[in-house]
Amino acid sequence: MARFSPEQEQEKYVNKQIREAREGEYPEHKSIHEAENGSMVNDMEDLKQLGEDMDEMSTNSEDEARGLSPDPEQ
């Protein structure tokens, strides 16, 4: 497995999100009148997308094993 710098990994992740957004992977934004402010999700579609996003994130222990520090440290 190739080792990338944190900057390269971040760029790779952002480029993947941009590509997926262009391909229609993410739902359209809701109007400000429909959105529920103060809530992480507004409907089941948002909840599913949040779950997929969370699955792709590394855990703190995985980051530490790669020499990264959690940000922000809690």
PDB file of N, CA and C in Angstrom:
ATOM      1  N   MET A   1       0.840  -1.176   0.000  1.00  0.00           N
ATOM      2  CA  MET A   1       0.000   0.000   0.000  1.00  0.00           C
ATOM      3  C   MET A   1       0.883   1.235   0.000  1.00  0.00           C
ATOM      4  N   ALA A   2       0.625   2.153  -0.883  1.00  0.00           N
ATOM      5  CA  ALA A   2       1.416   3.383  -0.971  1.00  0.00           C
ATOM      6  C   ALA A   2       1.102   4.284   0.212  1.00  0.00           C
ATOM      7  N   ARG A   3       2.125   4.943   0.734  1.00  0.00           N
ATOM      8  CA  ARG A   3       1.939   5.884   1.841  1.00  0.00           C
ATOM      9  C   ARG A   3       1.899   7.288   1.288  1.00  0.00           C
ATOM     10  N   PHE A   4       0.865   8.003   1.660  1.00  0.00           N
ATOM     11  CA  PHE A   4       0.698   9.379   1.217  1.00  0.00           C
ATOM     12  C   PHE A   4       0.852  10.304   2.409  1.00  0.00           C
ATOM     13  N   SER A   5       1.283  11.518   2.141  1.00  0.00           N
ATOM     14  CA  SER A   5       1.348  12.530   3.193  1.00  0.00           C
ATOM     15  C   SER A   5      -0.087  12.908   3.567  1.00  0.00           C
ATOM     16  N   PRO A   6      -0.289  13.484   4.756  1.00  0.00           N
ATOM     17  CA  PRO A   6      -1.643  13.922   5.125  1.00  0.00           C
ATOM     18  C   PRO A   6      -2.240  14.883   4.103  1.00  0.00           C
ATOM     19  N   GLU A   7      -1.418  15.744   3.548  1.00  0.00           N
ATOM     20  CA  GLU A   7      -1.909  16.688   2.544  1.00  0.00           C
ATOM     21  C   GLU A   7      -2.379  15.962   1.291  1.00  0.00           C
ATOM     22  N   GLN A   8      -1.616  14.933   0.874  1.00  0.00           N
ATOM     23  CA  GLN A   8      -1.994  14.168  -0.319  1.00  0.00           C
ATOM     24  C   GLN A   8      -3.283  13.387  -0.072  1.00  0.00           C
ATOM     25  N   GLU A   9      -3.413  12.821   1.132  1.00  0.00           N
ATOM     26  CA  GLU A   9      -4.629  12.086   1.466  1.00  0.00           C
ATOM     27  C   GLU A   9      -5.836  13.016   1.480  1.00  0.00           C
ATOM     28  N   GLN A  10      -5.669  14.200   2.035  1.00  0.00           N
ATOM     29  CA  GLN A  10      -6.772  15.160   2.073  1.00  0.00           C
ATOM     30  C   GLN A  10      -7.169  15.570   0.660  1.00  0.00           C
ATOM     31  N   GLU A  11      -6.180  15.845  -0.172  1.00  0.00           N
ATOM     32  CA  GLU A  11      -6.466  16.237  -1.558  1.00  0.00           C
ATOM     33  C   GLU A  11      -7.193  15.114  -2.292  1.00  0.00           C
ATOM     34  N   LYS A  12      -6.755  13.878  -2.077  1.00  0.00           N
ATOM     35  CA  LYS A  12      -7.392  12.720  -2.693  1.00  0.00           C
ATOM     36  C   LYS A  12      -8.857  12.608  -2.252  1.00  0.00           C
ATOM     37  N   TYR A  13      -9.111  12.797  -0.953  1.00  0.00           N
ATOM     38  CA  TYR A  13     -10.463  12.713  -0.406  1.00  0.00           C
ATOM     39  C   TYR A  13     -11.353  13.814  -0.974  1.00  0.00           C
ATOM     40  N   VAL A  14     -10.850  15.036  -1.013  1.00  0.00           N
ATOM     41  CA  VAL A  14     -11.631  16.156  -1.531  1.00  0.00           C
ATOM     42  C   VAL A  14     -11.933  15.953  -3.017  1.00  0.00           C
ATOM     43  N   ASN A  15     -10.939  15.524  -3.777  1.00  0.00           N
ATOM     44  CA  ASN A  15     -11.161  15.282  -5.209  1.00  0.00           C
ATOM     45  C   ASN A  15     -12.207  14.200  -5.429  1.00  0.00           C
ATOM     46  N   LYS A  16     -12.208  13.168  -4.581  1.00  0.00           N
ATOM     47  CA  LYS A  16     -13.200  12.104  -4.677  1.00  0.00           C
ATOM     48  C   LYS A  16     -14.594  12.659  -4.408  1.00  0.00           C
ATOM     49  N   GLN A  17     -14.731  13.510  -3.385  1.00  0.00           N
ATOM     50  CA  GLN A  17     -16.031  14.108  -3.084  1.00  0.00           C
ATOM     51  C   GLN A  17     -16.514  14.994  -4.232  1.00  0.00           C
ATOM     52  N   ILE A  18     -15.621  15.769  -4.811  1.00  0.00           N
ATOM     53  CA  ILE A  18     -15.988  16.630  -5.939  1.00  0.00           C
ATOM     54  C   ILE A  18     -16.450  15.787  -7.119  1.00  0.00           C
ATOM     55  N   ARG A  19     -15.696  14.732  -7.422  1.00  0.00           N
ATOM     56  CA  ARG A  19     -16.058  13.855  -8.539  1.00  0.00           C
ATOM     57  C   ARG A  19     -17.425  13.212  -8.289  1.00  0.00           C
ATOM     58  N   GLU A  20     -17.653  12.710  -7.070  1.00  0.00           N
ATOM     59  CA  GLU A  20     -18.930  12.069  -6.760  1.00  0.00           C
ATOM     60  C   GLU A  20     -20.086  13.069  -6.809  1.00  0.00           C
ATOM     61  N   ALA A  21     -19.844  14.301  -6.386  1.00  0.00           N
ATOM     62  CA  ALA A  21     -20.890  15.324  -6.446  1.00  0.00           C
ATOM     63  C   ALA A  21     -21.258  15.622  -7.893  1.00  0.00           C
ATOM     64  N   ARG A  22     -20.258  15.685  -8.752  1.00  0.00           N
ATOM     65  CA  ARG A  22     -20.519  15.939 -10.180  1.00  0.00           C
ATOM     66  C   ARG A  22     -21.289  14.802 -10.819  1.00  0.00           C
ATOM     67  N   GLU A  23     -21.042  13.574 -10.332  1.00  0.00           N
ATOM     68  CA  GLU A  23     -21.708  12.401 -10.891  1.00  0.00           C
ATOM     69  C   GLU A  23     -23.093  12.187 -10.297  1.00  0.00           C
ATOM     70  N   GLY A  24     -23.502  13.073  -9.377  1.00  0.00           N
ATOM     71  CA  GLY A  24     -24.832  12.957  -8.797  1.00  0.00           C
ATOM     72  C   GLY A  24     -24.911  12.040  -7.598  1.00  0.00           C
ATOM     73  N   GLU A  25     -23.780  11.710  -6.983  1.00  0.00           N
ATOM     74  CA  GLU A  25     -23.762  10.810  -5.831  1.00  0.00           C
ATOM     75  C   GLU A  25     -24.455  11.432  -4.620  1.00  0.00           C
ATOM     76  N   TYR A  26     -24.338  12.734  -4.444  1.00  0.00           N
ATOM     77  CA  TYR A  26     -24.884  13.404  -3.275  1.00  0.00           C
ATOM     78  C   TYR A  26     -26.230  14.037  -3.601  1.00  0.00           C
ATOM     79  N   PRO A  27     -27.138  14.058  -2.626  1.00  0.00           N
ATOM     80  CA  PRO A  27     -28.440  14.685  -2.876  1.00  0.00           C
ATOM     81  C   PRO A  27     -28.304  16.187  -3.053  1.00  0.00           C
ATOM     82  N   GLU A  28     -29.288  16.779  -3.734  1.00  0.00           N
ATOM     83  CA  GLU A  28     -29.308  18.230  -3.927  1.00  0.00           C
ATOM     84  C   GLU A  28     -29.483  18.924  -2.587  1.00  0.00           C
ATOM     85  N   HIS A  29     -28.965  20.148  -2.485  1.00  0.00           N
ATOM     86  CA  HIS A  29     -29.156  20.925  -1.260  1.00  0.00           C
ATOM     87  C   HIS A  29     -30.618  21.328  -1.131  1.00  0.00           C
ATOM     88  N   LYS A  30     -31.053  21.396   0.107  1.00  0.00           N
ATOM     89  CA  LYS A  30     -32.420  21.848   0.368  1.00  0.00           C
ATOM     90  C   LYS A  30     -32.447  23.367   0.435  1.00  0.00           C
ATOM     91  N   SER A  31     -33.612  23.935   0.170  1.00  0.00           N
ATOM     92  CA  SER A  31     -33.735  25.378   0.299  1.00  0.00           C
ATOM     93  C   SER A  31     -33.630  25.744   1.774  1.00  0.00           C
ATOM     94  N   ILE A  32     -33.264  26.962   2.060  1.00  0.00           N
ATOM     95  CA  ILE A  32     -33.100  27.419   3.440  1.00  0.00           C
ATOM     96  C   ILE A  32     -34.414  27.320   4.204  1.00  0.00           C
ATOM     97  N   HIS A  33     -35.556  27.378   3.488  1.00  0.00           N
ATOM     98  CA  HIS A  33     -36.860  27.298   4.131  1.00  0.00           C
ATOM     99  C   HIS A  33     -37.207  25.867   4.535  1.00  0.00           C
ATOM    100  N   GLU A  34     -36.612  24.890   3.865  1.00  0.00           N
ATOM    101  CA  GLU A  34     -36.867  23.483   4.177  1.00  0.00           C
ATOM    102  C   GLU A  34     -35.888  22.922   5.197  1.00  0.00           C
ATOM    103  N   ALA A  35     -34.675  23.436   5.210  1.00  0.00           N
ATOM    104  CA  ALA A  35     -33.629  22.889   6.071  1.00  0.00           C
ATOM    105  C   ALA A  35     -33.962  23.132   7.536  1.00  0.00           C
ATOM    106  N   GLU A  36     -33.624  22.167   8.369  1.00  0.00           N
ATOM    107  CA  GLU A  36     -33.828  22.291   9.807  1.00  0.00           C
ATOM    108  C   GLU A  36     -32.502  22.704  10.433  1.00  0.00           C
ATOM    109  N   ASN A  37     -32.385  23.972  10.780  1.00  0.00           N
ATOM    110  CA  ASN A  37     -31.144  24.458  11.375  1.00  0.00           C
ATOM    111  C   ASN A  37     -30.928  23.816  12.735  1.00  0.00           C
ATOM    112  N   GLY A  38     -29.675  23.506  13.044  1.00  0.00           N
ATOM    113  CA  GLY A  38     -29.331  22.899  14.319  1.00  0.00           C
ATOM    114  C   GLY A  38     -29.426  21.388  14.302  1.00  0.00           C
ATOM    115  N   SER A  39     -29.754  20.807  13.168  1.00  0.00           N
ATOM    116  CA  SER A  39     -29.876  19.362  13.049  1.00  0.00           C
ATOM    117  C   SER A  39     -28.813  18.855  12.074  1.00  0.00           C
ATOM    118  N   MET A  40     -28.217  17.701  12.397  1.00  0.00           N
ATOM    119  CA  MET A  40     -27.204  17.147  11.502  1.00  0.00           C
ATOM    120  C   MET A  40     -27.825  16.647  10.198  1.00  0.00           C
ATOM    121  N   VAL A  41     -29.054  16.158  10.285  1.00  0.00           N
ATOM    122  CA  VAL A  41     -29.733  15.640   9.096  1.00  0.00           C
ATOM    123  C   VAL A  41     -31.159  16.175   9.060  1.00  0.00           C
ATOM    124  N   ASN A  42     -31.706  16.275   7.859  1.00  0.00           N
ATOM    125  CA  ASN A  42     -33.065  16.774   7.680  1.00  0.00           C
ATOM    126  C   ASN A  42     -34.047  15.680   7.282  1.00  0.00           C
ATOM    127  N   ASP A  43     -33.530  14.571   6.764  1.00  0.00           N
ATOM    128  CA  ASP A  43     -34.413  13.479   6.357  1.00  0.00           C
ATOM    129  C   ASP A  43     -33.594  12.200   6.228  1.00  0.00           C
ATOM    130  N   MET A  44     -34.250  11.129   5.861  1.00  0.00           N
ATOM    131  CA  MET A  44     -33.594   9.822   5.783  1.00  0.00           C
ATOM    132  C   MET A  44     -32.470   9.826   4.732  1.00  0.00           C
ATOM    133  N   GLU A  45     -32.650  10.557   3.655  1.00  0.00           N
ATOM    134  CA  GLU A  45     -31.614  10.629   2.612  1.00  0.00           C
ATOM    135  C   GLU A  45     -30.332  11.256   3.175  1.00  0.00           C
ATOM    136  N   ASP A  46     -30.490  12.330   3.953  1.00  0.00           N
ATOM    137  CA  ASP A  46     -29.334  12.956   4.600  1.00  0.00           C
ATOM    138  C   ASP A  46     -28.680  11.991   5.583  1.00  0.00           C
ATOM    139  N   LEU A  47     -29.502  11.242   6.323  1.00  0.00           N
ATOM    140  CA  LEU A  47     -28.978  10.300   7.313  1.00  0.00           C
ATOM    141  C   LEU A  47     -28.145   9.207   6.649  1.00  0.00           C
ATOM    142  N   LYS A  48     -28.633   8.685   5.523  1.00  0.00           N
ATOM    143  CA  LYS A  48     -27.881   7.658   4.796  1.00  0.00           C
ATOM    144  C   LYS A  48     -26.546   8.219   4.298  1.00  0.00           C
ATOM    145  N   GLN A  49     -26.561   9.447   3.765  1.00  0.00           N
ATOM    146  CA  GLN A  49     -25.327  10.056   3.263  1.00  0.00           C
ATOM    147  C   GLN A  49     -24.349  10.289   4.409  1.00  0.00           C
ATOM    148  N   LEU A  50     -24.841  10.754   5.550  1.00  0.00           N
ATOM    149  CA  LEU A  50     -23.979  10.963   6.711  1.00  0.00           C
ATOM    150  C   LEU A  50     -23.344   9.647   7.146  1.00  0.00           C
ATOM    151  N   GLY A  51     -24.121   8.574   7.144  1.00  0.00           N
ATOM    152  CA  GLY A  51     -23.585   7.259   7.498  1.00  0.00           C
ATOM    153  C   GLY A  51     -22.471   6.824   6.557  1.00  0.00           C
ATOM    154  N   GLU A  52     -22.671   7.044   5.253  1.00  0.00           N
ATOM    155  CA  GLU A  52     -21.633   6.698   4.271  1.00  0.00           C
ATOM    156  C   GLU A  52     -20.377   7.540   4.494  1.00  0.00           C
ATOM    157  N   ASP A  53     -20.570   8.833   4.770  1.00  0.00           N
ATOM    158  CA  ASP A  53     -19.421   9.708   5.023  1.00  0.00           C
ATOM    159  C   ASP A  53     -18.658   9.253   6.263  1.00  0.00           C
ATOM    160  N   MET A  54     -19.384   8.892   7.315  1.00  0.00           N
ATOM    161  CA  MET A  54     -18.744   8.460   8.563  1.00  0.00           C
ATOM    162  C   MET A  54     -17.996   7.137   8.365  1.00  0.00           C
ATOM    163  N   ASP A  55     -18.551   6.234   7.539  1.00  0.00           N
ATOM    164  CA  ASP A  55     -17.874   4.962   7.269  1.00  0.00           C
ATOM    165  C   ASP A  55     -16.522   5.175   6.610  1.00  0.00           C
ATOM    166  N   GLU A  56     -16.384   6.226   5.807  1.00  0.00           N
ATOM    167  CA  GLU A  56     -15.136   6.495   5.098  1.00  0.00           C
ATOM    168  C   GLU A  56     -14.073   7.152   5.981  1.00  0.00           C
ATOM    169  N   MET A  57     -14.486   7.688   7.123  1.00  0.00           N
ATOM    170  CA  MET A  57     -13.534   8.386   7.991  1.00  0.00           C
ATOM    171  C   MET A  57     -12.683   7.390   8.773  1.00  0.00           C
ATOM    172  N   SER A  58     -11.452   7.773   9.035  1.00  0.00           N
ATOM    173  CA  SER A  58     -10.550   6.955   9.845  1.00  0.00           C
ATOM    174  C   SER A  58     -10.838   7.194  11.314  1.00  0.00           C
ATOM    175  N   THR A  59     -10.606   6.163  12.127  1.00  0.00           N
ATOM    176  CA  THR A  59     -10.721   6.335  13.568  1.00  0.00           C
ATOM    177  C   THR A  59      -9.439   6.993  14.082  1.00  0.00           C
ATOM    178  N   ASN A  60      -9.486   7.511  15.303  1.00  0.00           N
ATOM    179  CA  ASN A  60      -8.296   8.129  15.888  1.00  0.00           C
ATOM    180  C   ASN A  60      -7.148   7.132  15.960  1.00  0.00           C
ATOM    181  N   SER A  61      -7.438   5.882  16.336  1.00  0.00           N
ATOM    182  CA  SER A  61      -6.363   4.887  16.441  1.00  0.00           C
ATOM    183  C   SER A  61      -5.763   4.579  15.067  1.00  0.00           C
ATOM    184  N   GLU A  62      -6.586   4.582  14.010  1.00  0.00           N
ATOM    185  CA  GLU A  62      -6.056   4.369  12.656  1.00  0.00           C
ATOM    186  C   GLU A  62      -5.164   5.537  12.249  1.00  0.00           C
ATOM    187  N   ASP A  63      -5.604   6.766  12.577  1.00  0.00           N
ATOM    188  CA  ASP A  63      -4.784   7.937  12.266  1.00  0.00           C
ATOM    189  C   ASP A  63      -3.464   7.900  13.029  1.00  0.00           C
ATOM    190  N   GLU A  64      -3.522   7.571  14.313  1.00  0.00           N
ATOM    191  CA  GLU A  64      -2.299   7.517  15.127  1.00  0.00           C
ATOM    192  C   GLU A  64      -1.335   6.461  14.603  1.00  0.00           C
ATOM    193  N   ALA A  65      -1.852   5.338  14.111  1.00  0.00           N
ATOM    194  CA  ALA A  65      -1.000   4.287  13.547  1.00  0.00           C
ATOM    195  C   ALA A  65      -0.272   4.779  12.299  1.00  0.00           C
ATOM    196  N   ARG A  66      -0.850   5.769  11.615  1.00  0.00           N
ATOM    197  CA  ARG A  66      -0.211   6.344  10.426  1.00  0.00           C
ATOM    198  C   ARG A  66       0.610   7.582  10.778  1.00  0.00           C
ATOM    199  N   GLY A  67       0.754   7.862  12.078  1.00  0.00           N
ATOM    200  CA  GLY A  67       1.581   8.983  12.505  1.00  0.00           C
ATOM    201  C   GLY A  67       0.862  10.322  12.514  1.00  0.00           C
ATOM    202  N   LEU A  68      -0.471  10.298  12.473  1.00  0.00           N
ATOM    203  CA  LEU A  68      -1.249  11.538  12.478  1.00  0.00           C
ATOM    204  C   LEU A  68      -1.832  11.773  13.866  1.00  0.00           C
ATOM    205  N   SER A  69      -2.114  13.026  14.180  1.00  0.00           N
ATOM    206  CA  SER A  69      -2.755  13.369  15.451  1.00  0.00           C
ATOM    207  C   SER A  69      -4.208  13.752  15.185  1.00  0.00           C
ATOM    208  N   PRO A  70      -5.100  13.334  16.090  1.00  0.00           N
ATOM    209  CA  PRO A  70      -6.501  13.727  15.917  1.00  0.00           C
ATOM    210  C   PRO A  70      -6.632  15.249  15.975  1.00  0.00           C
ATOM    211  N   ASP A  71      -7.533  15.794  15.164  1.00  0.00           N
ATOM    212  CA  ASP A  71      -7.728  17.234  15.147  1.00  0.00           C
ATOM    213  C   ASP A  71      -9.214  17.533  15.163  1.00  0.00           C
ATOM    214  N   PRO A  72      -9.732  18.193  16.124  1.00  0.00           N
ATOM    215  CA  PRO A  72      -9.007  18.676  17.313  1.00  0.00           C
ATOM    216  C   PRO A  72      -8.845  17.558  18.324  1.00  0.00           C
ATOM    217  N   GLU A  73      -7.777  17.620  19.089  1.00  0.00           N
ATOM    218  CA  GLU A  73      -7.578  16.601  20.118  1.00  0.00           C
ATOM    219  C   GLU A  73      -8.647  16.798  21.177  1.00  0.00           C
ATOM    220  N   GLN A  74      -9.297  15.719  21.543  1.00  0.00           N
ATOM    221  CA  GLN A  74     -10.380  15.805  22.514  1.00  0.00           C
ATOM    222  C   GLN A  74     -10.058  14.989  23.735  1.00  0.00           C
TER     223      GLN A  74
END
